[in-house]
Amino acid sequence: MPVSGHGGPAESGKSLWSLCEAAALTREGQTVVYVSQENPLPEEARRLDRVRPEWSRFRFFHDQGFDLLLPDHVAALMEAAGGCRARRARHAERVLEWR
């Protein structure tokens, strides 16, 4: 199952919603790559403690400077994450999908 990036107004809960969905997917047996470049690490740690992903299936990257619109950055993320591939979603967001 794909995990995708989402857009919307500032402070509308996009990051928290995405993190909750990612954690739920890990508990359902999916492996998820989560890239956080917005919130401070202590805030992400607090949120992760509350949503409790299945850690063996959760790949977390914080503030690594990835730009998912740049093919080289996507390739580097896929290599670091191991075992996933990228594709374009119907609504043009970048999707990283585990094989």
N, C-alpha and C. Protein backbone atom coordinates (compact mmCIF):
# COMPACT_ATOMS: atom_id res chain seq x y z
N MET A 1 0.84 -1.17 0.00
CA MET A 1 0.00 0.00 0.00
C MET A 1 0.89 1.24 0.00
N PRO A 2 0.60 2.24 -0.83
CA PRO A 2 1.44 3.43 -0.91
C PRO A 2 1.22 4.37 0.27
N VAL A 3 2.26 5.12 0.56
CA VAL A 3 2.19 6.20 1.54
C VAL A 3 2.57 7.45 0.78
N SER A 4 1.77 8.50 0.86
CA SER A 4 2.00 9.66 0.01
C SER A 4 2.14 10.95 0.81
N GLY A 5 2.69 11.96 0.15
CA GLY A 5 2.77 13.30 0.73
C GLY A 5 1.49 14.06 0.43
N HIS A 6 1.15 14.99 1.30
CA HIS A 6 -0.10 15.73 1.15
C HIS A 6 0.14 17.22 1.31
N GLY A 7 -0.69 18.04 0.67
CA GLY A 7 -0.60 19.48 0.79
C GLY A 7 -1.84 20.05 1.42
N GLY A 8 -1.71 21.27 1.95
CA GLY A 8 -2.84 21.94 2.56
C GLY A 8 -2.38 23.14 3.35
N PRO A 9 -3.30 23.88 3.94
CA PRO A 9 -2.95 25.07 4.71
C PRO A 9 -2.06 24.75 5.91
N ALA A 10 -1.25 25.72 6.31
CA ALA A 10 -0.40 25.57 7.49
C ALA A 10 -1.27 25.30 8.72
N GLU A 11 -0.75 24.47 9.62
CA GLU A 11 -1.41 24.17 10.89
C GLU A 11 -2.77 23.48 10.74
N SER A 12 -2.96 22.76 9.62
CA SER A 12 -4.25 22.08 9.42
C SER A 12 -4.20 20.61 9.85
N GLY A 13 -3.07 20.15 10.39
CA GLY A 13 -2.98 18.78 10.90
C GLY A 13 -2.48 17.76 9.90
N LYS A 14 -1.90 18.21 8.78
CA LYS A 14 -1.42 17.28 7.74
C LYS A 14 -0.38 16.32 8.29
N SER A 15 0.60 16.84 9.00
CA SER A 15 1.69 16.00 9.49
C SER A 15 1.19 14.99 10.52
N LEU A 16 0.35 15.43 11.43
CA LEU A 16 -0.18 14.53 12.45
C LEU A 16 -1.06 13.46 11.81
N TRP A 17 -1.91 13.85 10.87
CA TRP A 17 -2.75 12.88 10.17
C TRP A 17 -1.89 11.85 9.44
N SER A 18 -0.86 12.33 8.73
CA SER A 18 0.02 11.43 7.99
C SER A 18 0.74 10.47 8.93
N LEU A 19 1.19 10.96 10.06
CA LEU A 19 1.88 10.12 11.03
C LEU A 19 0.94 9.06 11.61
N CYS A 20 -0.28 9.45 11.91
CA CYS A 20 -1.28 8.48 12.42
C CYS A 20 -1.55 7.40 11.38
N GLU A 21 -1.72 7.79 10.12
CA GLU A 21 -1.97 6.83 9.05
C GLU A 21 -0.76 5.91 8.86
N ALA A 22 0.44 6.48 8.90
CA ALA A 22 1.65 5.68 8.74
C ALA A 22 1.77 4.65 9.86
N ALA A 23 1.52 5.07 11.09
CA ALA A 23 1.59 4.15 12.23
C ALA A 23 0.56 3.03 12.10
N ALA A 24 -0.65 3.38 11.68
CA ALA A 24 -1.69 2.37 11.50
C ALA A 24 -1.29 1.36 10.43
N LEU A 25 -0.70 1.83 9.34
CA LEU A 25 -0.26 0.92 8.28
C LEU A 25 0.80 -0.05 8.79
N THR A 26 1.71 0.43 9.64
CA THR A 26 2.73 -0.47 10.18
C THR A 26 2.11 -1.55 11.05
N ARG A 27 1.09 -1.18 11.81
CA ARG A 27 0.42 -2.16 12.66
C ARG A 27 -0.39 -3.16 11.84
N GLU A 28 -0.71 -2.80 10.58
CA GLU A 28 -1.41 -3.71 9.67
C GLU A 28 -0.44 -4.56 8.85
N GLY A 29 0.86 -4.43 9.13
CA GLY A 29 1.85 -5.24 8.45
C GLY A 29 2.56 -4.59 7.29
N GLN A 30 2.24 -3.33 6.99
CA GLN A 30 2.90 -2.62 5.91
C GLN A 30 4.19 -1.97 6.42
N THR A 31 5.19 -1.85 5.57
CA THR A 31 6.39 -1.10 5.89
C THR A 31 6.22 0.30 5.33
N VAL A 32 6.53 1.31 6.15
CA VAL A 32 6.29 2.70 5.78
C VAL A 32 7.59 3.51 5.87
N VAL A 33 7.82 4.35 4.88
CA VAL A 33 8.89 5.34 4.92
C VAL A 33 8.23 6.67 5.25
N TYR A 34 8.70 7.32 6.34
CA TYR A 34 8.13 8.60 6.76
C TYR A 34 9.24 9.64 6.76
N VAL A 35 9.07 10.70 5.98
CA VAL A 35 10.06 11.77 5.88
C VAL A 35 9.48 13.01 6.54
N SER A 36 10.14 13.47 7.61
CA SER A 36 9.71 14.66 8.32
C SER A 36 10.76 15.76 8.15
N GLN A 37 10.34 16.88 7.59
CA GLN A 37 11.26 18.00 7.41
C GLN A 37 10.65 19.30 7.92
N GLU A 38 9.64 19.18 8.75
CA GLU A 38 8.93 20.37 9.19
C GLU A 38 8.98 20.55 10.70
N ASN A 39 8.61 19.52 11.44
CA ASN A 39 8.53 19.63 12.90
C ASN A 39 9.87 19.37 13.56
N PRO A 40 10.11 20.00 14.72
CA PRO A 40 11.33 19.71 15.47
C PRO A 40 11.33 18.25 15.94
N LEU A 41 12.50 17.67 16.07
CA LEU A 41 12.62 16.26 16.46
C LEU A 41 11.91 15.96 17.78
N PRO A 42 12.02 16.82 18.83
CA PRO A 42 11.28 16.51 20.07
C PRO A 42 9.76 16.41 19.85
N GLU A 43 9.22 17.22 18.96
CA GLU A 43 7.78 17.14 18.65
C GLU A 43 7.46 15.82 17.94
N GLU A 44 8.31 15.43 17.00
CA GLU A 44 8.09 14.15 16.32
C GLU A 44 8.18 13.00 17.31
N ALA A 45 9.15 13.05 18.23
CA ALA A 45 9.30 11.99 19.23
C ALA A 45 8.05 11.89 20.11
N ARG A 46 7.50 13.04 20.51
CA ARG A 46 6.28 13.06 21.32
C ARG A 46 5.12 12.44 20.55
N ARG A 47 4.99 12.80 19.30
CA ARG A 47 3.91 12.25 18.49
C ARG A 47 4.08 10.76 18.25
N LEU A 48 5.30 10.35 17.96
CA LEU A 48 5.56 8.92 17.73
C LEU A 48 5.26 8.10 18.98
N ASP A 49 5.55 8.66 20.14
CA ASP A 49 5.25 7.97 21.38
C ASP A 49 3.74 7.75 21.54
N ARG A 50 2.96 8.67 21.01
CA ARG A 50 1.50 8.56 21.13
C ARG A 50 0.87 7.66 20.07
N VAL A 51 1.41 7.69 18.84
CA VAL A 51 0.78 6.90 17.77
C VAL A 51 1.33 5.48 17.70
N ARG A 52 2.46 5.22 18.30
CA ARG A 52 3.05 3.88 18.46
C ARG A 52 3.07 3.03 17.18
N PRO A 53 3.95 3.40 16.24
CA PRO A 53 4.08 2.54 15.06
C PRO A 53 4.76 1.22 15.43
N GLU A 54 4.62 0.25 14.57
CA GLU A 54 5.38 -1.01 14.70
C GLU A 54 6.78 -0.68 14.19
N TRP A 55 7.73 -0.52 15.11
CA TRP A 55 9.04 0.03 14.78
C TRP A 55 9.80 -0.80 13.75
N SER A 56 9.60 -2.08 13.71
CA SER A 56 10.32 -2.91 12.74
C SER A 56 9.86 -2.63 11.30
N ARG A 57 8.71 -1.96 11.16
CA ARG A 57 8.16 -1.65 9.84
C ARG A 57 8.14 -0.15 9.54
N PHE A 58 8.78 0.64 10.37
CA PHE A 58 8.72 2.10 10.25
C PHE A 58 10.12 2.64 9.95
N ARG A 59 10.28 3.32 8.80
CA ARG A 59 11.55 3.95 8.42
C ARG A 59 11.36 5.45 8.53
N PHE A 60 12.03 6.07 9.51
CA PHE A 60 11.84 7.48 9.82
C PHE A 60 13.07 8.28 9.44
N PHE A 61 12.87 9.33 8.66
CA PHE A 61 13.94 10.24 8.28
C PHE A 61 13.53 11.64 8.73
N HIS A 62 14.37 12.27 9.55
CA HIS A 62 14.05 13.61 10.06
C HIS A 62 15.05 14.63 9.55
N ASP A 63 14.52 15.68 8.93
CA ASP A 63 15.29 16.85 8.52
C ASP A 63 16.55 16.49 7.75
N GLN A 64 16.41 15.62 6.76
CA GLN A 64 17.55 15.20 5.95
C GLN A 64 17.71 16.04 4.70
N GLY A 65 16.83 17.01 4.49
CA GLY A 65 16.93 17.88 3.32
C GLY A 65 16.45 17.25 2.03
N PHE A 66 15.64 16.20 2.12
CA PHE A 66 15.12 15.57 0.91
C PHE A 66 14.14 16.49 0.21
N ASP A 67 14.24 16.55 -1.12
CA ASP A 67 13.25 17.23 -1.95
C ASP A 67 12.68 16.16 -2.86
N LEU A 68 11.46 15.74 -2.59
CA LEU A 68 10.88 14.61 -3.32
C LEU A 68 10.50 14.95 -4.75
N LEU A 69 10.76 16.18 -5.18
CA LEU A 69 10.57 16.53 -6.58
C LEU A 69 11.85 16.31 -7.39
N LEU A 70 12.97 16.08 -6.71
CA LEU A 70 14.25 15.87 -7.38
C LEU A 70 14.54 14.37 -7.48
N PRO A 71 14.67 13.85 -8.70
CA PRO A 71 14.89 12.42 -8.88
C PRO A 71 16.11 11.89 -8.10
N ASP A 72 17.18 12.65 -8.03
CA ASP A 72 18.37 12.19 -7.29
C ASP A 72 18.07 12.04 -5.80
N HIS A 73 17.27 12.95 -5.25
CA HIS A 73 16.91 12.85 -3.84
C HIS A 73 16.01 11.64 -3.60
N VAL A 74 15.07 11.41 -4.51
CA VAL A 74 14.19 10.25 -4.38
C VAL A 74 15.01 8.96 -4.45
N ALA A 75 15.95 8.90 -5.37
CA ALA A 75 16.80 7.71 -5.50
C ALA A 75 17.62 7.49 -4.23
N ALA A 76 18.15 8.56 -3.65
CA ALA A 76 18.94 8.43 -2.42
C ALA A 76 18.07 7.95 -1.27
N LEU A 77 16.85 8.47 -1.17
CA LEU A 77 15.93 8.04 -0.12
C LEU A 77 15.57 6.56 -0.30
N MET A 78 15.28 6.16 -1.53
CA MET A 78 14.93 4.76 -1.77
C MET A 78 16.10 3.85 -1.43
N GLU A 79 17.31 4.26 -1.76
CA GLU A 79 18.48 3.45 -1.44
C GLU A 79 18.66 3.35 0.08
N ALA A 80 18.52 4.47 0.77
CA ALA A 80 18.66 4.47 2.23
C ALA A 80 17.57 3.64 2.90
N ALA A 81 16.37 3.70 2.35
CA ALA A 81 15.25 2.96 2.93
C ALA A 81 15.31 1.48 2.57
N GLY A 82 15.85 1.18 1.43
CA GLY A 82 15.97 -0.21 0.99
C GLY A 82 14.63 -0.83 0.64
N GLY A 83 14.50 -1.36 -0.56
CA GLY A 83 13.33 -2.13 -0.93
C GLY A 83 12.09 -1.37 -1.31
N CYS A 84 12.18 -0.10 -1.62
CA CYS A 84 10.97 0.58 -2.07
C CYS A 84 11.21 1.19 -3.43
N ARG A 85 10.14 1.56 -4.09
CA ARG A 85 10.22 2.18 -5.40
C ARG A 85 9.30 3.40 -5.40
N ALA A 86 9.55 4.32 -6.29
CA ALA A 86 8.72 5.53 -6.37
C ALA A 86 7.85 5.47 -7.62
N ARG A 87 6.70 6.08 -7.54
CA ARG A 87 5.84 6.24 -8.70
C ARG A 87 5.04 7.52 -8.52
N ARG A 88 4.50 8.03 -9.58
CA ARG A 88 3.65 9.21 -9.52
C ARG A 88 2.22 8.78 -9.21
N ALA A 89 1.63 9.45 -8.26
CA ALA A 89 0.24 9.17 -7.92
C ALA A 89 -0.67 9.91 -8.89
N ARG A 90 -1.93 9.52 -8.90
CA ARG A 90 -2.91 10.13 -9.81
C ARG A 90 -3.01 11.64 -9.61
N HIS A 91 -2.84 12.10 -8.38
CA HIS A 91 -2.98 13.52 -8.09
C HIS A 91 -1.62 14.22 -8.00
N ALA A 92 -0.58 13.62 -8.57
CA ALA A 92 0.74 14.21 -8.75
C ALA A 92 1.58 14.30 -7.48
N GLU A 93 1.15 13.72 -6.37
CA GLU A 93 2.06 13.68 -5.25
C GLU A 93 3.03 12.52 -5.43
N ARG A 94 4.17 12.60 -4.83
CA ARG A 94 5.16 11.54 -4.93
C ARG A 94 4.77 10.42 -3.98
N VAL A 95 4.85 9.20 -4.43
CA VAL A 95 4.50 8.05 -3.61
C VAL A 95 5.71 7.12 -3.53
N LEU A 96 6.05 6.71 -2.32
CA LEU A 96 7.07 5.70 -2.13
C LEU A 96 6.35 4.43 -1.71
N GLU A 97 6.61 3.36 -2.40
CA GLU A 97 5.86 2.14 -2.18
C GLU A 97 6.83 0.98 -1.96
N TRP A 98 6.60 0.22 -0.91
CA TRP A 98 7.45 -0.94 -0.64
C TRP A 98 7.08 -2.07 -1.58
N ARG A 99 8.08 -2.79 -2.02
CA ARG A 99 7.85 -3.96 -2.87
C ARG A 99 7.56 -5.16 -2.02
